[in-house]
C-alpha atoms as a PDB file:
ATOM      1  CA  UNK A   1      25.194  -1.888 -14.713  1.00  0.00           C
ATOM      2  CA  UNK A   2      22.231  -4.609 -14.051  1.00  0.00           C
ATOM      3  CA  UNK A   3      18.877  -4.360 -12.536  1.00  0.00           C
ATOM      4  CA  UNK A   4      19.560  -5.918  -9.528  1.00  0.00           C
ATOM      5  CA  UNK A   5      23.129  -3.608  -8.942  1.00  0.00           C
ATOM      6  CA  UNK A   6      21.183  -0.540  -9.599  1.00  0.00           C
ATOM      7  CA  UNK A   7      18.001  -1.063  -7.158  1.00  0.00           C
ATOM      8  CA  UNK A   8      21.004  -2.611  -4.208  1.00  0.00           C
ATOM      9  CA  UNK A   9      22.722   0.627  -4.989  1.00  0.00           C
ATOM     10  CA  UNK A  10      19.378   2.781  -4.875  1.00  0.00           C
ATOM     11  CA  UNK A  11      17.851   0.924  -1.699  1.00  0.00           C
ATOM     12  CA  UNK A  12      21.886   1.391  -0.029  1.00  0.00           C
ATOM     13  CA  UNK A  13      20.787   4.809   0.255  1.00  0.00           C
ATOM     14  CA  UNK A  14      17.457   4.543   2.410  1.00  0.00           C
ATOM     15  CA  UNK A  15      17.036   2.822   5.975  1.00  0.00           C
ATOM     16  CA  UNK A  16      18.048  -0.689   6.965  1.00  0.00           C
ATOM     17  CA  UNK A  17      14.928  -0.882   9.576  1.00  0.00           C
ATOM     18  CA  UNK A  18      12.377   0.128   7.111  1.00  0.00           C
ATOM     19  CA  UNK A  19      14.260  -2.465   4.541  1.00  0.00           C
ATOM     20  CA  UNK A  20      14.040  -5.230   6.795  1.00  0.00           C
ATOM     21  CA  UNK A  21      10.867  -4.222   7.676  1.00  0.00           C
ATOM     22  CA  UNK A  22       9.392  -4.717   3.859  1.00  0.00           C
ATOM     23  CA  UNK A  23      11.963  -7.917   3.551  1.00  0.00           C
ATOM     24  CA  UNK A  24      10.072  -9.535   6.702  1.00  0.00           C
ATOM     25  CA  UNK A  25       6.684  -8.411   5.740  1.00  0.00           C
ATOM     26  CA  UNK A  26       6.936  -9.687   2.226  1.00  0.00           C
ATOM     27  CA  UNK A  27       8.437 -13.065   3.087  1.00  0.00           C
ATOM     28  CA  UNK A  28       5.369 -15.203   1.978  1.00  0.00           C
ATOM     29  CA  UNK A  29       4.842 -12.913  -1.102  1.00  0.00           C
ATOM     30  CA  UNK A  30       8.290 -14.012  -1.901  1.00  0.00           C
ATOM     31  CA  UNK A  31       7.870 -17.717  -1.139  1.00  0.00           C
ATOM     32  CA  UNK A  32       4.781 -17.739  -3.056  1.00  0.00           C
ATOM     33  CA  UNK A  33       5.985 -15.849  -5.925  1.00  0.00           C
ATOM     34  CA  UNK A  34       9.477 -15.356  -6.487  1.00  0.00           C
ATOM     35  CA  UNK A  35      10.758 -18.771  -4.698  1.00  0.00           C
ATOM     36  CA  UNK A  36       8.390 -20.242  -7.446  1.00  0.00           C
ATOM     37  CA  UNK A  37       9.529 -18.348 -10.543  1.00  0.00           C
ATOM     38  CA  UNK A  38      12.948 -18.817  -9.315  1.00  0.00           C
ATOM     39  CA  UNK A  39      12.469 -23.064  -9.101  1.00  0.00           C
ATOM     40  CA  UNK A  40      10.574 -22.545 -12.858  1.00  0.00           C
ATOM     41  CA  UNK A  41      13.729 -21.035 -13.679  1.00  0.00           C
ATOM     42  CA  UNK A  42      16.065 -23.809 -12.626  1.00  0.00           C
ATOM     43  CA  UNK A  43      13.948 -26.811 -13.826  1.00  0.00           C
ATOM     44  CA  UNK A  44      13.254 -25.426 -17.575  1.00  0.00           C
ATOM     45  CA  UNK A  45      16.258 -23.550 -18.535  1.00  0.00           C
ATOM     46  CA  UNK A  46      15.078 -22.755 -21.910  1.00  0.00           C
ATOM     47  CA  UNK A  47      12.118 -20.304 -22.534  1.00  0.00           C
ATOM     48  CA  UNK A  48       8.996 -22.150 -24.598  1.00  0.00           C
ATOM     49  CA  UNK A  49       5.542 -22.169 -24.451  1.00  0.00           C
ATOM     50  CA  UNK A  50       5.002 -24.589 -21.463  1.00  0.00           C
ATOM     51  CA  UNK A  51       7.613 -21.951 -19.366  1.00  0.00           C
ATOM     52  CA  UNK A  52       5.468 -18.746 -20.082  1.00  0.00           C
ATOM     53  CA  UNK A  53       2.820 -20.936 -19.392  1.00  0.00           C
ATOM     54  CA  UNK A  54       3.963 -22.244 -15.960  1.00  0.00           C
ATOM     55  CA  UNK A  55       4.653 -18.263 -15.190  1.00  0.00           C
ATOM     56  CA  UNK A  56       1.409 -16.777 -16.047  1.00  0.00           C
ATOM     57  CA  UNK A  57      -0.338 -19.772 -13.852  1.00  0.00           C
ATOM     58  CA  UNK A  58       2.451 -18.625 -10.757  1.00  0.00           C
ATOM     59  CA  UNK A  59       1.934 -14.554 -11.046  1.00  0.00           C
ATOM     60  CA  UNK A  60      -2.078 -15.290 -11.322  1.00  0.00           C
ATOM     61  CA  UNK A  61      -1.472 -17.253  -8.011  1.00  0.00           C
ATOM     62  CA  UNK A  62       0.221 -14.801  -6.214  1.00  0.00           C
ATOM     63  CA  UNK A  63      -3.049 -12.385  -7.613  1.00  0.00           C
ATOM     64  CA  UNK A  64      -1.079 -10.391  -9.872  1.00  0.00           C
ATOM     65  CA  UNK A  65      -4.635 -10.222 -11.857  1.00  0.00           C
ATOM     66  CA  UNK A  66      -5.339 -12.068 -15.099  1.00  0.00           C
ATOM     67  CA  UNK A  67      -5.146  -8.544 -16.911  1.00  0.00           C
ATOM     68  CA  UNK A  68      -2.046  -7.516 -15.504  1.00  0.00           C
ATOM     69  CA  UNK A  69      -0.408 -10.973 -16.196  1.00  0.00           C
ATOM     70  CA  UNK A  70      -2.000 -10.745 -19.980  1.00  0.00           C
ATOM     71  CA  UNK A  71       0.412  -7.581 -20.794  1.00  0.00           C
ATOM     72  CA  UNK A  72       3.254  -8.744 -18.239  1.00  0.00           C
ATOM     73  CA  UNK A  73       3.476 -12.082 -20.299  1.00  0.00           C
ATOM     74  CA  UNK A  74       3.271 -10.127 -23.888  1.00  0.00           C
ATOM     75  CA  UNK A  75       6.057  -7.360 -22.803  1.00  0.00           C
ATOM     76  CA  UNK A  76       8.315 -10.020 -21.106  1.00  0.00           C
ATOM     77  CA  UNK A  77       8.030 -11.874 -25.196  1.00  0.00           C
ATOM     78  CA  UNK A  78       9.028  -8.674 -26.477  1.00  0.00           C
ATOM     79  CA  UNK A  79      11.861  -8.448 -24.448  1.00  0.00           C
ATOM     80  CA  UNK A  80      13.028 -11.878 -24.842  1.00  0.00           C
ATOM     81  CA  UNK A  81      12.844 -11.074 -28.508  1.00  0.00           C
ATOM     82  CA  UNK A  82      14.675  -7.820 -28.533  1.00  0.00           C
ATOM     83  CA  UNK A  83      17.172  -8.970 -26.090  1.00  0.00           C
ATOM     84  CA  UNK A  84      17.439 -12.456 -27.586  1.00  0.00           C
ATOM     85  CA  UNK A  85      17.330 -14.117 -24.394  1.00  0.00           C
ATOM     86  CA  UNK A  86      17.687 -18.237 -24.421  1.00  0.00           C
ATOM     87  CA  UNK A  87      18.190 -18.770 -21.071  1.00  0.00           C
ATOM     88  CA  UNK A  88      15.592 -18.377 -18.575  1.00  0.00           C
ATOM     89  CA  UNK A  89      18.019 -17.135 -15.735  1.00  0.00           C
ATOM     90  CA  UNK A  90      18.267 -14.298 -17.860  1.00  0.00           C
ATOM     91  CA  UNK A  91      14.402 -13.158 -17.728  1.00  0.00           C
ATOM     92  CA  UNK A  92      14.579 -12.833 -13.723  1.00  0.00           C
ATOM     93  CA  UNK A  93      15.996  -9.178 -13.614  1.00  0.00           C
ATOM     94  CA  UNK A  94      13.623  -8.445 -16.956  1.00  0.00           C
ATOM     95  CA  UNK A  95      10.835  -9.479 -14.875  1.00  0.00           C
ATOM     96  CA  UNK A  96      12.078  -7.683 -11.391  1.00  0.00           C
ATOM     97  CA  UNK A  97      12.405  -4.610 -13.661  1.00  0.00           C
ATOM     98  CA  UNK A  98       9.223  -4.846 -15.425  1.00  0.00           C
ATOM     99  CA  UNK A  99       7.269  -5.271 -12.036  1.00  0.00           C
ATOM    100  CA  UNK A 100       8.874  -2.101 -11.016  1.00  0.00           C
ATOM    101  CA  UNK A 101       7.817  -0.449 -13.395  1.00  0.00           C
ATOM    102  CA  UNK A 102       4.135  -1.346 -13.055  1.00  0.00           C
ATOM    103  CA  UNK A 103       4.272  -0.150  -9.401  1.00  0.00           C
ATOM    104  CA  UNK A 104       6.026   3.123  -9.665  1.00  0.00           C
ATOM    105  CA  UNK A 105       3.433   4.346 -12.362  1.00  0.00           C
ATOM    106  CA  UNK A 106       3.324   8.461 -13.161  1.00  0.00           C
ATOM    107  CA  UNK A 107       1.409   8.812  -9.517  1.00  0.00           C
ATOM    108  CA  UNK A 108       2.913  10.872  -6.672  1.00  0.00           C
ATOM    109  CA  UNK A 109       2.698   8.393  -3.941  1.00  0.00           C
ATOM    110  CA  UNK A 110       3.395  10.468  -1.044  1.00  0.00           C
ATOM    111  CA  UNK A 111       0.973  11.968   1.539  1.00  0.00           C
ATOM    112  CA  UNK A 112      -0.573  15.332   0.461  1.00  0.00           C
ATOM    113  CA  UNK A 113      -0.067  17.517   3.144  1.00  0.00           C
ATOM    114  CA  UNK A 114      -1.172  21.215   3.529  1.00  0.00           C
ATOM    115  CA  UNK A 115       1.599  23.715   4.144  1.00  0.00           C
ATOM    116  CA  UNK A 116      -0.363  26.240   5.875  1.00  0.00           C
ATOM    117  CA  UNK A 117      -2.090  24.588   8.479  1.00  0.00           C
ATOM    118  CA  UNK A 118      -4.403  21.418   9.804  1.00  0.00           C
ATOM    119  CA  UNK A 119      -3.858  18.682   7.030  1.00  0.00           C
ATOM    120  CA  UNK A 120      -6.978  16.508   7.093  1.00  0.00           C
ATOM    121  CA  UNK A 121      -7.182  13.041   6.327  1.00  0.00           C
ATOM    122  CA  UNK A 122     -10.263  11.148   6.068  1.00  0.00           C
ATOM    123  CA  UNK A 123     -10.289   7.248   6.230  1.00  0.00           C
ATOM    124  CA  UNK A 124     -12.658   4.972   4.591  1.00  0.00           C
ATOM    125  CA  UNK A 125     -13.127   1.307   4.299  1.00  0.00           C
ATOM    126  CA  UNK A 126     -15.265  -1.849   5.015  1.00  0.00           C
ATOM    127  CA  UNK A 127     -15.496  -3.369   8.608  1.00  0.00           C
ATOM    128  CA  UNK A 128     -12.415  -5.591   8.975  1.00  0.00           C
ATOM    129  CA  UNK A 129      -9.554  -4.269   6.589  1.00  0.00           C
ATOM    130  CA  UNK A 130      -7.862  -2.733   9.665  1.00  0.00           C
ATOM    131  CA  UNK A 131      -9.095   1.030   9.371  1.00  0.00           C
ATOM    132  CA  UNK A 132      -8.995   1.766  12.787  1.00  0.00           C
ATOM    133  CA  UNK A 133      -5.372   0.135  13.522  1.00  0.00           C
ATOM    134  CA  UNK A 134      -4.364   2.357  10.483  1.00  0.00           C
ATOM    135  CA  UNK A 135      -5.537   5.260  11.780  1.00  0.00           C
ATOM    136  CA  UNK A 136      -3.735   4.380  15.472  1.00  0.00           C
ATOM    137  CA  UNK A 137      -0.177   3.997  13.391  1.00  0.00           C
ATOM    138  CA  UNK A 138      -0.345   6.676  11.115  1.00  0.00           C
ATOM    139  CA  UNK A 139      -1.003   9.182  14.756  1.00  0.00           C
ATOM    140  CA  UNK A 140       1.971   7.380  16.252  1.00  0.00           C
ATOM    141  CA  UNK A 141       4.398   7.852  12.959  1.00  0.00           C
ATOM    142  CA  UNK A 142       3.249  11.874  12.505  1.00  0.00           C
ATOM    143  CA  UNK A 143       3.663  11.830  16.269  1.00  0.00           C
ATOM    144  CA  UNK A 144       7.002  10.439  15.788  1.00  0.00           C
ATOM    145  CA  UNK A 145       7.928  13.209  13.187  1.00  0.00           C
ATOM    146  CA  UNK A 146       7.124  16.096  16.274  1.00  0.00           C
ATOM    147  CA  UNK A 147       3.357  16.620  14.453  1.00  0.00           C
ATOM    148  CA  UNK A 148       0.604  17.162  17.002  1.00  0.00           C
ATOM    149  CA  UNK A 149      -2.171  15.083  15.999  1.00  0.00           C
ATOM    150  CA  UNK A 150      -5.899  14.479  16.850  1.00  0.00           C
ATOM    151  CA  UNK A 151      -8.004  11.512  16.079  1.00  0.00           C
ATOM    152  CA  UNK A 152     -11.833  12.000  15.256  1.00  0.00           C
ATOM    153  CA  UNK A 153     -14.082   8.779  16.012  1.00  0.00           C
ATOM    154  CA  UNK A 154     -16.333   9.014  13.238  1.00  0.00           C
ATOM    155  CA  UNK A 155     -17.355   5.257  12.944  1.00  0.00           C
ATOM    156  CA  UNK A 156     -20.148   5.455  15.579  1.00  0.00           C
ATOM    157  CA  UNK A 157     -22.104   2.728  14.244  1.00  0.00           C
ATOM    158  CA  UNK A 158     -19.632  -0.225  14.687  1.00  0.00           C
ATOM    159  CA  UNK A 159     -19.824  -1.910  18.343  1.00  0.00           C
ATOM    160  CA  UNK A 160     -16.307  -0.923  20.121  1.00  0.00           C
ATOM    161  CA  UNK A 161     -14.887   1.435  17.217  1.00  0.00           C
ATOM    162  CA  UNK A 162     -14.975   4.420  19.329  1.00  0.00           C
ATOM    163  CA  UNK A 163     -13.345   2.522  22.276  1.00  0.00           C
ATOM    164  CA  UNK A 164     -11.082   0.735  19.976  1.00  0.00           C
ATOM    165  CA  UNK A 165      -9.746   4.342  18.458  1.00  0.00           C
ATOM    166  CA  UNK A 166      -9.201   5.347  22.428  1.00  0.00           C
ATOM    167  CA  UNK A 167      -6.989   2.859  23.020  1.00  0.00           C
ATOM    168  CA  UNK A 168      -4.996   3.182  19.639  1.00  0.00           C
ATOM    169  CA  UNK A 169      -4.725   6.939  21.152  1.00  0.00           C
ATOM    170  CA  UNK A 170      -3.679   5.797  24.401  1.00  0.00           C
ATOM    171  CA  UNK A 171      -0.744   4.088  22.626  1.00  0.00           C
ATOM    172  CA  UNK A 172       0.198   6.681  20.279  1.00  0.00           C
ATOM    173  CA  UNK A 173      -0.293   9.737  23.145  1.00  0.00           C
ATOM    174  CA  UNK A 174      -2.900  11.379  20.866  1.00  0.00           C
ATOM    175  CA  UNK A 175      -6.283  13.141  21.566  1.00  0.00           C
ATOM    176  CA  UNK A 176      -9.460  11.131  20.566  1.00  0.00           C
ATOM    177  CA  UNK A 177     -12.596  13.349  19.516  1.00  0.00           C
ATOM    178  CA  UNK A 178     -15.625  11.066  20.433  1.00  0.00           C
ATOM    179  CA  UNK A 179     -19.345  11.318  20.747  1.00  0.00           C
ATOM    180  CA  UNK A 180     -21.572   8.594  22.141  1.00  0.00           C
ATOM    181  CA  UNK A 181     -22.192   5.269  19.942  1.00  0.00           C
ATOM    182  CA  UNK A 182     -24.994   6.206  17.592  1.00  0.00           C
ATOM    183  CA  UNK A 183     -24.255   9.961  16.995  1.00  0.00           C
ATOM    184  CA  UNK A 184     -24.278  11.739  13.551  1.00  0.00           C
ATOM    185  CA  UNK A 185     -20.820  11.012  12.416  1.00  0.00           C
ATOM    186  CA  UNK A 186     -20.688  14.446  10.842  1.00  0.00           C
ATOM    187  CA  UNK A 187     -21.195  16.296  13.952  1.00  0.00           C
ATOM    188  CA  UNK A 188     -18.105  14.348  15.605  1.00  0.00           C
ATOM    189  CA  UNK A 189     -16.162  15.631  12.585  1.00  0.00           C
ATOM    190  CA  UNK A 190     -17.329  19.225  13.384  1.00  0.00           C
ATOM    191  CA  UNK A 191     -16.153  18.942  17.090  1.00  0.00           C
ATOM    192  CA  UNK A 192     -12.926  17.097  15.987  1.00  0.00           C
ATOM    193  CA  UNK A 193     -11.949  20.423  13.352  1.00  0.00           C
ATOM    194  CA  UNK A 194     -12.824  22.754  16.278  1.00  0.00           C
ATOM    195  CA  UNK A 195     -10.663  20.742  18.570  1.00  0.00           C
ATOM    196  CA  UNK A 196      -7.896  20.920  16.202  1.00  0.00           C
ATOM    197  CA  UNK A 197      -8.088  24.642  15.642  1.00  0.00           C
ATOM    198  CA  UNK A 198      -7.938  25.167  18.975  1.00  0.00           C
ATOM    199  CA  UNK A 199      -5.354  23.490  19.975  1.00  0.00           C
ATOM    200  CA  UNK A 200      -3.091  24.272  16.987  1.00  0.00           C
ATOM    201  CA  UNK A 201      -2.912  20.349  15.558  1.00  0.00           C
ATOM    202  CA  UNK A 202      -0.904  20.162  12.694  1.00  0.00           C
ATOM    203  CA  UNK A 203      -2.539  16.725  11.565  1.00  0.00           C
ATOM    204  CA  UNK A 204      -6.442  15.224  12.190  1.00  0.00           C
ATOM    205  CA  UNK A 205      -6.966  11.920  11.221  1.00  0.00           C
ATOM    206  CA  UNK A 206     -10.917  10.802  10.627  1.00  0.00           C
ATOM    207  CA  UNK A 207     -12.228   7.687  11.347  1.00  0.00           C
ATOM    208  CA  UNK A 208     -15.288   6.251   8.993  1.00  0.00           C
ATOM    209  CA  UNK A 209     -18.048   4.027   9.274  1.00  0.00           C
ATOM    210  CA  UNK A 210     -17.924   0.858   6.855  1.00  0.00           C
ATOM    211  CA  UNK A 211     -21.118  -0.349   5.705  1.00  0.00           C
ATOM    212  CA  UNK A 212     -20.790  -1.512   1.684  1.00  0.00           C
ATOM    213  CA  UNK A 213     -24.549  -3.116   1.960  1.00  0.00           C
ATOM    214  CA  UNK A 214     -25.999   0.049   2.122  1.00  0.00           C
ATOM    215  CA  UNK A 215     -24.035   2.085   0.092  1.00  0.00           C
ATOM    216  CA  UNK A 216     -26.070   4.768  -0.960  1.00  0.00           C
ATOM    217  CA  UNK A 217     -26.383   5.866   2.972  1.00  0.00           C
ATOM    218  CA  UNK A 218     -22.829   5.487   3.305  1.00  0.00           C
ATOM    219  CA  UNK A 219     -22.306   7.739   0.407  1.00  0.00           C
ATOM    220  CA  UNK A 220     -24.741  10.653   1.790  1.00  0.00           C
ATOM    221  CA  UNK A 221     -23.452  10.139   4.803  1.00  0.00           C
ATOM    222  CA  UNK A 222     -20.036  10.637   3.430  1.00  0.00           C
ATOM    223  CA  UNK A 223     -20.938  13.554   1.317  1.00  0.00           C
ATOM    224  CA  UNK A 224     -22.228  15.430   4.621  1.00  0.00           C
ATOM    225  CA  UNK A 225     -19.014  14.462   6.749  1.00  0.00           C
ATOM    226  CA  UNK A 226     -17.037  16.484   3.260  1.00  0.00           C
ATOM    227  CA  UNK A 227     -19.586  19.510   3.662  1.00  0.00           C
ATOM    228  CA  UNK A 228     -19.075  20.073   7.594  1.00  0.00           C
ATOM    229  CA  UNK A 229     -14.962  19.635   7.085  1.00  0.00           C
ATOM    230  CA  UNK A 230     -14.991  21.557   4.069  1.00  0.00           C
ATOM    231  CA  UNK A 231     -17.162  24.518   5.564  1.00  0.00           C
ATOM    232  CA  UNK A 232     -14.301  24.809   8.137  1.00  0.00           C
ATOM    233  CA  UNK A 233     -11.619  23.799   5.990  1.00  0.00           C
ATOM    234  CA  UNK A 234     -11.879  24.451   2.566  1.00  0.00           C
ATOM    235  CA  UNK A 235      -8.907  22.673   0.779  1.00  0.00           C
ATOM    236  CA  UNK A 236      -9.674  19.623   3.035  1.00  0.00           C
ATOM    237  CA  UNK A 237     -10.095  16.624   3.118  1.00  0.00           C
ATOM    238  CA  UNK A 238      -6.130  16.668   1.570  1.00  0.00           C
ATOM    239  CA  UNK A 239      -6.323  13.231   1.775  1.00  0.00           C
ATOM    240  CA  UNK A 240      -9.535  10.199   1.288  1.00  0.00           C
ATOM    241  CA  UNK A 241      -7.355   6.999   2.008  1.00  0.00           C
ATOM    242  CA  UNK A 242      -9.498   3.416   1.759  1.00  0.00           C
ATOM    243  CA  UNK A 243      -8.203   0.950   3.430  1.00  0.00           C
ATOM    244  CA  UNK A 244      -8.027  -2.494   1.713  1.00  0.00           C
ATOM    245  CA  UNK A 245      -6.765  -5.954   3.273  1.00  0.00           C
ATOM    246  CA  UNK A 246      -3.971  -7.416   1.387  1.00  0.00           C
ATOM    247  CA  UNK A 247      -5.060 -11.090   2.734  1.00  0.00           C
ATOM    248  CA  UNK A 248      -8.636 -10.687   0.758  1.00  0.00           C
ATOM    249  CA  UNK A 249      -6.613 -10.533  -2.853  1.00  0.00           C
ATOM    250  CA  UNK A 250      -8.834  -9.633  -5.618  1.00  0.00           C
ATOM    251  CA  UNK A 251     -12.122  -8.947  -3.365  1.00  0.00           C
ATOM    252  CA  UNK A 252     -10.129  -5.822  -1.890  1.00  0.00           C
ATOM    253  CA  UNK A 253      -9.631  -4.990  -5.719  1.00  0.00           C
ATOM    254  CA  UNK A 254     -13.732  -5.350  -6.306  1.00  0.00           C
ATOM    255  CA  UNK A 255     -14.221  -3.441  -3.035  1.00  0.00           C
ATOM    256  CA  UNK A 256     -11.924  -0.358  -3.969  1.00  0.00           C
ATOM    257  CA  UNK A 257     -13.412  -0.515  -7.415  1.00  0.00           C
ATOM    258  CA  UNK A 258     -17.162  -0.218  -5.763  1.00  0.00           C
ATOM    259  CA  UNK A 259     -16.359   1.935  -2.587  1.00  0.00           C
ATOM    260  CA  UNK A 260     -14.096   4.130  -4.478  1.00  0.00           C
ATOM    261  CA  UNK A 261     -16.297   5.353  -7.869  1.00  0.00           C
ATOM    262  CA  UNK A 262     -18.254   7.527  -5.910  1.00  0.00           C
ATOM    263  CA  UNK A 263     -15.941   8.471  -2.481  1.00  0.00           C
ATOM    264  CA  UNK A 264     -13.631  11.013  -3.438  1.00  0.00           C
ATOM    265  CA  UNK A 265     -10.689   8.296  -2.700  1.00  0.00           C
ATOM    266  CA  UNK A 266      -7.465   9.686  -3.220  1.00  0.00           C
ATOM    267  CA  UNK A 267      -5.210   6.766  -2.463  1.00  0.00           C
ATOM    268  CA  UNK A 268      -5.086   3.412  -0.894  1.00  0.00           C
ATOM    269  CA  UNK A 269      -3.619   1.782   2.077  1.00  0.00           C
ATOM    270  CA  UNK A 270      -2.968  -1.742   2.148  1.00  0.00           C
ATOM    271  CA  UNK A 271      -2.726  -3.508   5.517  1.00  0.00           C
ATOM    272  CA  UNK A 272      -2.016  -7.105   6.564  1.00  0.00           C
ATOM    273  CA  UNK A 273       0.484  -7.605   3.509  1.00  0.00           C
ATOM    274  CA  UNK A 274       2.550  -9.678   6.063  1.00  0.00           C
ATOM    275  CA  UNK A 275      -0.246 -12.483   6.328  1.00  0.00           C
ATOM    276  CA  UNK A 276      -0.468 -13.753   2.651  1.00  0.00           C
ATOM    277  CA  UNK A 277       1.476 -14.887  -0.250  1.00  0.00           C
ATOM    278  CA  UNK A 278      -0.869 -12.853  -2.772  1.00  0.00           C
ATOM    279  CA  UNK A 279       1.345  -9.471  -2.154  1.00  0.00           C
ATOM    280  CA  UNK A 280       1.063  -9.588  -5.809  1.00  0.00           C
ATOM    281  CA  UNK A 281      -2.420  -7.894  -5.643  1.00  0.00           C
ATOM    282  CA  UNK A 282      -0.516  -4.815  -4.872  1.00  0.00           C
ATOM    283  CA  UNK A 283       0.489  -4.765  -8.564  1.00  0.00           C
ATOM    284  CA  UNK A 284      -3.073  -5.511  -9.527  1.00  0.00           C
ATOM    285  CA  UNK A 285      -4.497  -2.815  -7.568  1.00  0.00           C
ATOM    286  CA  UNK A 286      -1.887  -0.252  -9.294  1.00  0.00           C
ATOM    287  CA  UNK A 287      -2.639  -0.969 -12.593  1.00  0.00           C
ATOM    288  CA  UNK A 288      -6.762  -1.436 -12.484  1.00  0.00           C
ATOM    289  CA  UNK A 289      -7.206   1.190 -10.465  1.00  0.00           C
ATOM    290  CA  UNK A 290      -6.064   4.783 -11.424  1.00  0.00           C
ATOM    291  CA  UNK A 291      -5.167   5.604  -7.880  1.00  0.00           C
ATOM    292  CA  UNK A 292      -1.900   5.254  -6.110  1.00  0.00           C
ATOM    293  CA  UNK A 293      -0.979   2.984  -3.035  1.00  0.00           C
ATOM    294  CA  UNK A 294       0.242   5.400  -0.289  1.00  0.00           C
ATOM    295  CA  UNK A 295       0.932   3.163   2.981  1.00  0.00           C
ATOM    296  CA  UNK A 296       1.436  -0.256   3.441  1.00  0.00           C
ATOM    297  CA  UNK A 297       1.204  -2.404   6.701  1.00  0.00           C
ATOM    298  CA  UNK A 298       3.690  -4.941   6.890  1.00  0.00           C
ATOM    299  CA  UNK A 299       3.115  -6.151  10.299  1.00  0.00           C
ATOM    300  CA  UNK A 300       1.432  -5.814  13.814  1.00  0.00           C
ATOM    301  CA  UNK A 301       3.916  -3.524  15.775  1.00  0.00           C
ATOM    302  CA  UNK A 302       2.935   0.069  16.006  1.00  0.00           C
ATOM    303  CA  UNK A 303       5.846   1.343  13.572  1.00  0.00           C
ATOM    304  CA  UNK A 304       4.785  -1.372  11.028  1.00  0.00           C
ATOM    305  CA  UNK A 305       3.219   1.211   8.731  1.00  0.00           C
ATOM    306  CA  UNK A 306       5.060   2.500   5.817  1.00  0.00           C
ATOM    307  CA  UNK A 307       5.011   5.273   3.021  1.00  0.00           C
ATOM    308  CA  UNK A 308       5.061   2.370  -0.077  1.00  0.00           C
ATOM    309  CA  UNK A 309       7.750   2.261  -1.860  1.00  0.00           C
ATOM    310  CA  UNK A 310       7.812   0.335  -5.340  1.00  0.00           C
ATOM    311  CA  UNK A 311      11.977   0.256  -5.303  1.00  0.00           C
ATOM    312  CA  UNK A 312      12.092  -1.296  -1.625  1.00  0.00           C
ATOM    313  CA  UNK A 313       8.913  -3.719  -2.449  1.00  0.00           C
ATOM    314  CA  UNK A 314      10.780  -5.313  -5.474  1.00  0.00           C
ATOM    315  CA  UNK A 315      14.034  -5.190  -3.130  1.00  0.00           C
ATOM    316  CA  UNK A 316      12.325  -7.102  -0.816  1.00  0.00           C
ATOM    317  CA  UNK A 317      10.256  -9.913  -3.226  1.00  0.00           C
ATOM    318  CA  UNK A 318      13.628 -10.827  -4.901  1.00  0.00           C
ATOM    319  CA  UNK A 319      16.663  -9.889  -1.759  1.00  0.00           C
ATOM    320  CA  UNK A 320      17.900 -14.170  -2.665  1.00  0.00           C
ATOM    321  CA  UNK A 321      18.757 -12.692  -6.264  1.00  0.00           C
ATOM    322  CA  UNK A 322      20.034  -9.410  -5.644  1.00  0.00           C
ATOM    323  CA  UNK A 323      22.787 -10.541  -2.793  1.00  0.00           C
ATOM    324  CA  UNK A 324      24.040 -13.087  -5.340  1.00  0.00           C
ATOM    325  CA  UNK A 325      24.283 -10.239  -7.630  1.00  0.00           C
ATOM    326  CA  UNK A 326      27.920  -8.457  -6.273  1.00  0.00           C
ATOM    327  CA  UNK A 327      30.484 -10.976  -6.895  1.00  0.00           C
ATOM    328  CA  UNK A 328      29.047 -10.942 -10.519  1.00  0.00           C
ATOM    329  CA  UNK A 329      28.903  -7.350 -10.945  1.00  0.00           C
ATOM    330  CA  UNK A 330      32.386  -6.814  -9.311  1.00  0.00           C
ATOM    331  CA  UNK A 331      34.016  -9.418 -11.496  1.00  0.00           C
ATOM    332  CA  UNK A 332      31.878  -7.425 -14.557  1.00  0.00           C
ATOM    333  CA  UNK A 333      33.552  -4.323 -13.335  1.00  0.00           C
ATOM    334  CA  UNK A 334      37.297  -6.070 -13.168  1.00  0.00           C
ATOM    335  CA  UNK A 335      36.972  -7.301 -16.655  1.00  0.00           C
ATOM    336  CA  UNK A 336      35.700  -4.160 -18.387  1.00  0.00           C
ATOM    337  CA  UNK A 337      38.840  -2.304 -16.730  1.00  0.00           C
END
């Protein structure tokens, strides 16, 4: 069975609306990456050095990351020799398979939930990446699952951050615990944990300040927040999610390296994937950081935040090619029977 057919069969069991969200959200990346690869295959037909060089340029242009691209090209060369592939068209499913493997990794993409009480999820990241929006959308998602959710407005320094979270609280129908602007974020977290306990909440989502320029103060502040939360709920926070803006490409990767070193990050959220042709950054981040991508933002609607799914991601990118597969597969099966 071909890789594309296996991928299509695997996706068939998943919700159609989610598959559509991935396809719509990754449209720009599909045009920037897969359509260019398809065009290269049609133009070149033969796999030679020039073919590899052009493929390399396309992948780097989609922000897959230089190190990852070099490794990927090396793997493709090996596969071409091993399988004795001569026609460039035969390389497309191999490339898709390799990308899926790179994205899948060995780590668990699912959010870690507390089976015995309140799940505390802390969000970190620089200003402007879509952190507050992500918290609001995740609150809505949990609410739709029947969970009682509380949000903590711990970004007490950025002008309008508390109000922005309150707007999301109203949209999602979720209570926001806050203090005045400029208050101690750790004090807000203490209030939020107490409120979550008293109201029997299932999930507590905590916003934090996003200032990279003053890193030592920021880390001190985060450590204080951890201590306050852990004093009340010893095993918390259950997740520390770093939010990254996919449209900033390699800059997002650099932020994650800088920010994630000491802040105890357990997973990543990539926002605004619908706004970039460089969605290959997901592959680069997955490869260069020992962290799973847990959630992706695929649009502006309240339900456009989705758990990251490597198969959905690759399926959305190679959708056109996958749709061409059924007839070929059916013919193959008939000739084999």
